[in-house]
Amino acid sequence: MTLLNRISALLLCFAVAPVGAATLEDQYLDANGVKIRYIDIGKGEAVVLLHGGTSRLESWVTPGVVDNLAKDFRVIAFDARGHGKSDSPREPSAYGRQQALDVVRILDTLKIDKAHIIGFSLGSSTVAQLLTLHPERFLTGVQVAGAGRSPKEANNPRIETEAAEIASDCISRSRLMRQAPAGMKPTEEEIQQRMIACRADKTFDQLATAASLRGYKDQAVTAEQMAAVKVPTMGIVGTLDHTLKDMQELKSIRPGMKLVLLEGVSHTGKTGIQGSPALVSEIRKFIAEQRRPATAY
């Protein structure tokens, strides 16, 4: 196979992703003037999957999470604004709260009254905000490796540093080092390879991604708001994840939240949580627990 054919085959994989016996075709909808790419597969109660920052919906498809859940649920996954094939505004004001409201806009467009909402990292911060803005739209909420942004975290100076690095270099060196577990930091060669791959990805808009990070200020949720959430919630995080302490603190703020720790699992990389078979297993178990009727005494 020639190099050109290999590249064409790779691009086709992103355009149409096979899942089980089905084929996921890209669909698009308008979210208040922003075109959003999404996939919609399966039947049953709706499950909405939110990916992490600098990622796209394939992060749920590739490890088989969509395939697994679609056996019993209607699964909707989409590229958040500024990511993948969705529109990419370059103003920070287009992100933050607007990313949360996009979920409600999608549910409205698809005529879904209530859904299970699951978010990883950036997606988890979106879940945290959604549970305070529109709790009536969600059956359950699962926060994967992300506790939500406190006002202090939403205004952390490192966010501007990482945004500036992405705007300049396509990747954030400091972000990669911060998120990697001790003893698993990327080498300079690996960083350079990621930079080359990032610049070769024509669907990645580094200025839009930088704007998305700068929009974190509009995702702030107070401890009082987090504590007041009544929607059944689960937090799940790896013991090697840099968000572990934050997730444990969220549990102390919201004692009713179920917290699951996955041993030896990190945020991303070879031991990343989205690739862990235990993730979808715990999600299924949690949803089943919420369906179970209370024992009468």
Protein backbone atom coordinates (compact mmCIF):
# COMPACT_ATOMS: atom_id res chain seq x y z
CA MET A 1 0.00 0.00 0.00
CA THR A 2 1.35 3.42 -0.92
CA LEU A 3 1.78 6.17 1.66
CA LEU A 4 -1.09 8.10 0.05
CA ASN A 5 -3.40 5.11 0.36
CA ARG A 6 -2.43 4.63 3.99
CA ILE A 7 -3.25 8.24 4.78
CA SER A 8 -6.59 7.94 2.94
CA ALA A 9 -7.48 4.82 4.90
CA LEU A 10 -6.65 6.56 8.18
CA LEU A 11 -8.85 9.54 7.32
CA LEU A 12 -11.70 7.19 6.41
CA CYS A 13 -11.46 5.60 9.85
CA PHE A 14 -12.14 9.01 11.42
CA ALA A 15 -15.04 9.74 9.04
CA VAL A 16 -16.94 6.51 9.57
CA ALA A 17 -16.10 4.40 12.61
CA PRO A 18 -17.26 0.77 12.72
CA VAL A 19 -18.81 -0.29 16.00
CA GLY A 20 -19.75 -3.93 16.31
CA ALA A 21 -22.02 -4.87 13.45
CA ALA A 22 -23.16 -1.27 13.00
CA THR A 23 -21.55 1.67 11.28
CA LEU A 24 -21.48 5.05 12.96
CA GLU A 25 -22.07 7.82 10.50
CA ASP A 26 -21.33 11.41 11.39
CA GLN A 27 -24.41 13.54 12.00
CA TYR A 28 -24.57 17.27 12.62
CA LEU A 29 -26.88 19.65 14.45
CA ASP A 30 -26.99 23.34 15.20
CA ALA A 31 -26.27 24.34 18.80
CA ASN A 32 -27.14 28.02 18.95
CA GLY A 33 -25.20 28.76 15.78
CA VAL A 34 -22.36 26.26 16.36
CA LYS A 35 -22.32 23.10 14.23
CA ILE A 36 -21.86 20.03 16.40
CA ARG A 37 -20.84 16.61 15.07
CA TYR A 38 -22.38 13.67 16.89
CA ILE A 39 -23.14 9.96 16.70
CA ASP A 40 -26.36 8.31 17.88
CA ILE A 41 -26.62 4.53 18.23
CA GLY A 42 -28.66 1.96 20.15
CA LYS A 43 -32.04 1.98 21.88
CA GLY A 44 -33.24 2.45 25.42
CA GLU A 45 -32.48 5.07 28.03
CA ALA A 46 -30.17 7.73 26.63
CA VAL A 47 -26.51 7.91 27.67
CA VAL A 48 -24.52 11.00 26.70
CA LEU A 49 -20.71 10.70 26.59
CA LEU A 50 -18.48 13.78 26.93
CA HIS A 51 -14.80 13.48 25.97
CA GLY A 52 -11.77 15.17 27.50
CA GLY A 53 -9.94 18.32 26.45
CA THR A 54 -7.96 18.27 23.17
CA SER A 55 -9.82 15.05 22.29
CA ARG A 56 -12.93 14.00 20.33
CA LEU A 57 -15.72 11.43 20.38
CA GLU A 58 -13.43 8.68 19.05
CA SER A 59 -11.91 8.50 22.53
CA TRP A 60 -15.12 6.68 23.54
CA VAL A 61 -15.40 4.64 20.34
CA THR A 62 -11.88 3.23 20.06
CA PRO A 63 -11.76 1.50 23.50
CA GLY A 64 -15.21 -0.03 22.90
CA VAL A 65 -17.24 2.01 25.40
CA VAL A 66 -19.81 3.08 22.78
CA ASP A 67 -20.07 -0.47 21.44
CA ASN A 68 -20.61 -1.90 24.92
CA LEU A 69 -23.21 0.60 26.12
CA ALA A 70 -25.13 0.59 22.81
CA LYS A 71 -26.17 -3.01 23.49
CA ASP A 72 -28.64 -1.74 26.10
CA PHE A 73 -28.81 2.04 25.78
CA ARG A 74 -29.21 4.80 23.24
CA VAL A 75 -25.71 6.28 23.15
CA ILE A 76 -24.98 9.83 22.03
CA ALA A 77 -21.38 11.03 21.80
CA PHE A 78 -20.24 14.25 20.20
CA ASP A 79 -17.26 16.46 19.49
CA ALA A 80 -17.44 19.36 21.91
CA ARG A 81 -17.31 22.78 20.28
CA GLY A 82 -13.70 23.58 19.44
CA HIS A 83 -12.85 19.89 19.05
CA GLY A 84 -12.82 17.32 16.25
CA LYS A 85 -15.22 18.08 13.42
CA SER A 86 -17.48 20.45 15.35
CA ASP A 87 -17.23 24.19 14.73
CA SER A 88 -14.30 25.90 16.42
CA PRO A 89 -14.97 29.41 17.68
CA ARG A 90 -11.82 31.21 18.76
CA GLU A 91 -13.26 33.41 21.50
CA PRO A 92 -13.08 32.17 25.12
CA SER A 93 -16.62 33.46 25.68
CA ALA A 94 -17.87 30.76 23.26
CA TYR A 95 -16.81 28.03 25.71
CA GLY A 96 -17.25 27.39 29.43
CA ARG A 97 -20.96 27.45 30.23
CA GLN A 98 -21.82 27.22 26.52
CA GLN A 99 -20.26 23.74 26.40
CA ALA A 100 -22.64 22.64 29.14
CA LEU A 101 -25.62 24.24 27.46
CA ASP A 102 -24.72 22.41 24.23
CA VAL A 103 -25.66 19.16 25.96
CA VAL A 104 -29.13 20.50 26.74
CA ARG A 105 -29.45 21.79 23.17
CA ILE A 106 -28.57 18.35 21.84
CA LEU A 107 -31.10 16.65 24.13
CA ASP A 108 -33.75 19.12 22.99
CA THR A 109 -32.94 18.58 19.31
CA LEU A 110 -33.09 14.80 19.70
CA LYS A 111 -36.27 15.09 21.82
CA ILE A 112 -34.72 13.35 24.83
CA ASP A 113 -36.27 14.42 28.15
CA LYS A 114 -33.73 12.78 30.48
CA ALA A 115 -30.39 11.04 30.04
CA HIS A 116 -27.51 9.49 31.91
CA ILE A 117 -24.55 11.87 31.56
CA ILE A 118 -20.92 10.66 31.64
CA GLY A 119 -17.91 12.92 31.24
CA PHE A 120 -14.16 12.42 31.30
CA SER A 121 -11.76 15.17 32.44
CA LEU A 122 -12.99 18.33 30.64
CA GLY A 123 -16.24 16.44 30.07
CA SER A 124 -16.45 15.77 33.79
CA SER A 125 -16.20 19.49 34.53
CA THR A 126 -19.08 19.95 32.09
CA VAL A 127 -21.06 17.27 33.96
CA ALA A 128 -20.38 19.04 37.28
CA GLN A 129 -21.77 22.29 35.88
CA LEU A 130 -24.75 20.62 34.20
CA LEU A 131 -25.83 18.98 37.45
CA THR A 132 -26.18 22.45 38.96
CA LEU A 133 -27.67 24.19 35.89
CA HIS A 134 -30.15 21.58 34.64
CA PRO A 135 -30.41 18.66 37.11
CA GLU A 136 -33.95 17.93 35.87
CA ARG A 137 -32.52 16.61 32.59
CA PHE A 138 -30.39 13.82 34.06
CA LEU A 139 -31.11 10.37 35.46
CA THR A 140 -27.56 9.91 36.75
CA GLY A 141 -24.21 11.66 36.47
CA VAL A 142 -20.80 10.00 36.22
CA GLN A 143 -17.68 12.10 36.69
CA VAL A 144 -14.61 10.33 35.33
CA ALA A 145 -11.25 11.71 36.51
CA GLY A 146 -12.53 15.23 37.03
CA ALA A 147 -14.15 16.80 40.09
CA GLY A 148 -15.39 19.98 38.43
CA ARG A 149 -13.83 23.43 38.64
CA SER A 150 -13.93 25.31 41.90
CA PRO A 151 -13.69 29.10 41.49
CA LYS A 152 -10.02 28.89 42.54
CA GLU A 153 -9.23 26.14 40.02
CA ALA A 154 -11.17 27.87 37.24
CA ASN A 155 -8.88 30.89 37.66
CA ASN A 156 -5.60 29.00 38.13
CA PRO A 157 -2.77 30.89 36.33
CA ARG A 158 -1.44 27.63 34.84
CA ILE A 159 -4.49 27.51 32.55
CA GLU A 160 -3.23 30.57 30.67
CA THR A 161 0.26 29.00 30.48
CA GLU A 162 -1.13 25.81 28.96
CA ALA A 163 -3.41 27.73 26.59
CA ALA A 164 -0.48 29.83 25.36
CA GLU A 165 1.61 26.69 24.79
CA ILE A 166 -1.16 25.07 22.74
CA ALA A 167 -1.68 28.25 20.69
CA SER A 168 2.05 28.35 19.93
CA ASP A 169 3.15 24.71 19.77
CA CYS A 170 -0.12 22.77 19.19
CA ILE A 171 0.48 20.85 22.43
CA SER A 172 1.11 21.93 26.00
CA ARG A 173 4.37 20.54 27.31
CA SER A 174 3.55 21.54 30.89
CA ARG A 175 0.08 19.97 30.64
CA LEU A 176 1.54 16.66 29.43
CA MET A 177 4.05 16.63 32.29
CA ARG A 178 1.42 17.60 34.87
CA GLN A 179 -1.03 14.88 33.88
CA ALA A 180 1.48 12.02 33.54
CA PRO A 181 2.04 9.82 36.63
CA ALA A 182 5.39 9.87 38.41
CA GLY A 183 7.85 7.65 36.58
CA MET A 184 5.80 7.85 33.37
CA LYS A 185 6.62 11.38 32.21
CA PRO A 186 6.96 11.68 28.41
CA THR A 187 10.47 11.95 27.01
CA GLU A 188 11.56 14.87 24.84
CA GLU A 189 11.37 12.59 21.81
CA GLU A 190 7.79 11.60 22.68
CA ILE A 191 6.83 15.25 23.14
CA GLN A 192 8.26 16.11 19.73
CA GLN A 193 6.38 13.19 18.15
CA ARG A 194 3.13 14.40 19.71
CA MET A 195 3.78 17.89 18.40
CA ILE A 196 4.32 16.59 14.86
CA ALA A 197 1.17 14.43 15.05
CA CYS A 198 -0.85 17.35 16.41
CA ARG A 199 0.20 19.66 13.58
CA ALA A 200 -0.64 16.97 11.03
CA ASP A 201 -4.20 16.63 12.38
CA LYS A 202 -6.28 18.88 10.14
CA THR A 203 -9.29 18.62 12.45
CA PHE A 204 -7.36 20.10 15.40
CA ASP A 205 -7.63 23.88 15.70
CA GLN A 206 -4.99 24.89 18.24
CA LEU A 207 -6.32 28.46 18.59
CA ALA A 208 -9.83 27.19 19.28
CA THR A 209 -8.46 24.70 21.81
CA ALA A 210 -6.55 27.48 23.53
CA ALA A 211 -9.77 29.52 23.65
CA SER A 212 -11.53 26.51 25.18
CA LEU A 213 -8.97 26.42 28.01
CA ARG A 214 -9.34 30.15 28.56
CA GLY A 215 -13.08 29.57 28.84
CA TYR A 216 -12.58 27.41 31.94
CA LYS A 217 -13.27 30.52 34.03
CA ASP A 218 -16.92 30.18 33.03
CA GLN A 219 -17.12 26.59 34.33
CA ALA A 220 -16.74 27.43 38.01
CA VAL A 221 -18.97 25.56 40.46
CA THR A 222 -18.88 26.32 44.18
CA ALA A 223 -18.59 23.70 46.92
CA GLU A 224 -22.11 24.64 48.04
CA GLN A 225 -23.47 23.96 44.54
CA MET A 226 -21.63 20.62 44.35
CA ALA A 227 -22.97 19.59 47.75
CA ALA A 228 -26.53 20.46 46.77
CA VAL A 229 -26.66 18.08 43.78
CA LYS A 230 -29.52 15.58 44.16
CA VAL A 231 -28.99 13.61 40.95
CA PRO A 232 -27.43 10.20 41.78
CA THR A 233 -23.72 10.53 41.02
CA MET A 234 -20.63 8.38 40.78
CA GLY A 235 -17.01 9.48 40.63
CA ILE A 236 -14.44 7.11 39.17
CA VAL A 237 -10.70 7.70 39.03
CA GLY A 238 -7.44 5.77 38.83
CA THR A 239 -4.98 5.57 41.70
CA LEU A 240 -2.27 6.98 39.39
CA ASP A 241 -4.43 9.88 38.19
CA HIS A 242 -3.42 13.46 39.01
CA THR A 243 -7.09 14.19 39.82
CA LEU A 244 -7.29 11.53 42.56
CA LYS A 245 -7.07 14.00 45.45
CA ASP A 246 -9.66 16.28 43.84
CA MET A 247 -12.05 13.36 43.42
CA GLN A 248 -11.60 12.37 47.06
CA GLU A 249 -12.31 15.96 48.10
CA LEU A 250 -15.48 15.92 45.98
CA LYS A 251 -16.58 12.82 47.87
CA SER A 252 -16.16 14.69 51.16
CA ILE A 253 -18.23 17.59 49.79
CA ARG A 254 -20.92 15.27 48.40
CA PRO A 255 -20.94 12.20 50.73
CA GLY A 256 -23.78 10.55 48.84
CA MET A 257 -21.64 10.22 45.71
CA LYS A 258 -20.30 6.76 45.02
CA LEU A 259 -16.51 6.90 44.54
CA VAL A 260 -14.70 4.09 42.72
CA LEU A 261 -10.88 3.86 42.62
CA LEU A 262 -9.21 1.83 39.88
CA GLU A 263 -5.85 0.47 40.93
CA GLY A 264 -2.91 1.20 38.61
CA VAL A 265 -4.99 3.37 36.27
CA SER A 266 -3.87 6.84 35.14
CA HIS A 267 -5.50 9.80 33.41
CA THR A 268 -4.27 9.06 29.89
CA GLY A 269 -1.62 6.98 28.12
CA LYS A 270 -1.18 3.22 28.13
CA THR A 271 -2.85 2.89 31.53
CA GLY A 272 -5.45 5.61 30.83
CA ILE A 273 -8.89 5.24 32.36
CA GLN A 274 -10.87 5.41 29.11
CA GLY A 275 -9.12 2.24 27.97
CA SER A 276 -9.74 0.38 31.23
CA PRO A 277 -12.37 -2.42 30.91
CA ALA A 278 -13.36 -1.65 34.51
CA LEU A 279 -14.68 1.78 33.50
CA VAL A 280 -17.66 0.62 31.46
CA SER A 281 -18.27 -2.23 33.93
CA GLU A 282 -18.55 0.24 36.82
CA ILE A 283 -20.78 2.55 34.78
CA ARG A 284 -23.16 -0.31 34.05
CA LYS A 285 -23.16 -1.42 37.68
CA PHE A 286 -23.91 2.11 38.90
CA ILE A 287 -26.83 2.63 36.50
CA ALA A 288 -28.24 -0.78 37.49
CA GLU A 289 -28.03 0.20 41.18
CA GLN A 290 -30.09 3.33 40.53
CA ARG A 291 -32.77 1.28 38.77
CA ARG A 292 -33.07 -1.15 41.65
CA PRO A 293 -36.16 -0.47 43.80
CA ALA A 294 -35.59 0.38 47.44
CA THR A 295 -36.08 -2.47 49.89
CA ALA A 296 -39.31 -2.15 51.86
CA TYR A 297 -39.25 -2.73 55.61
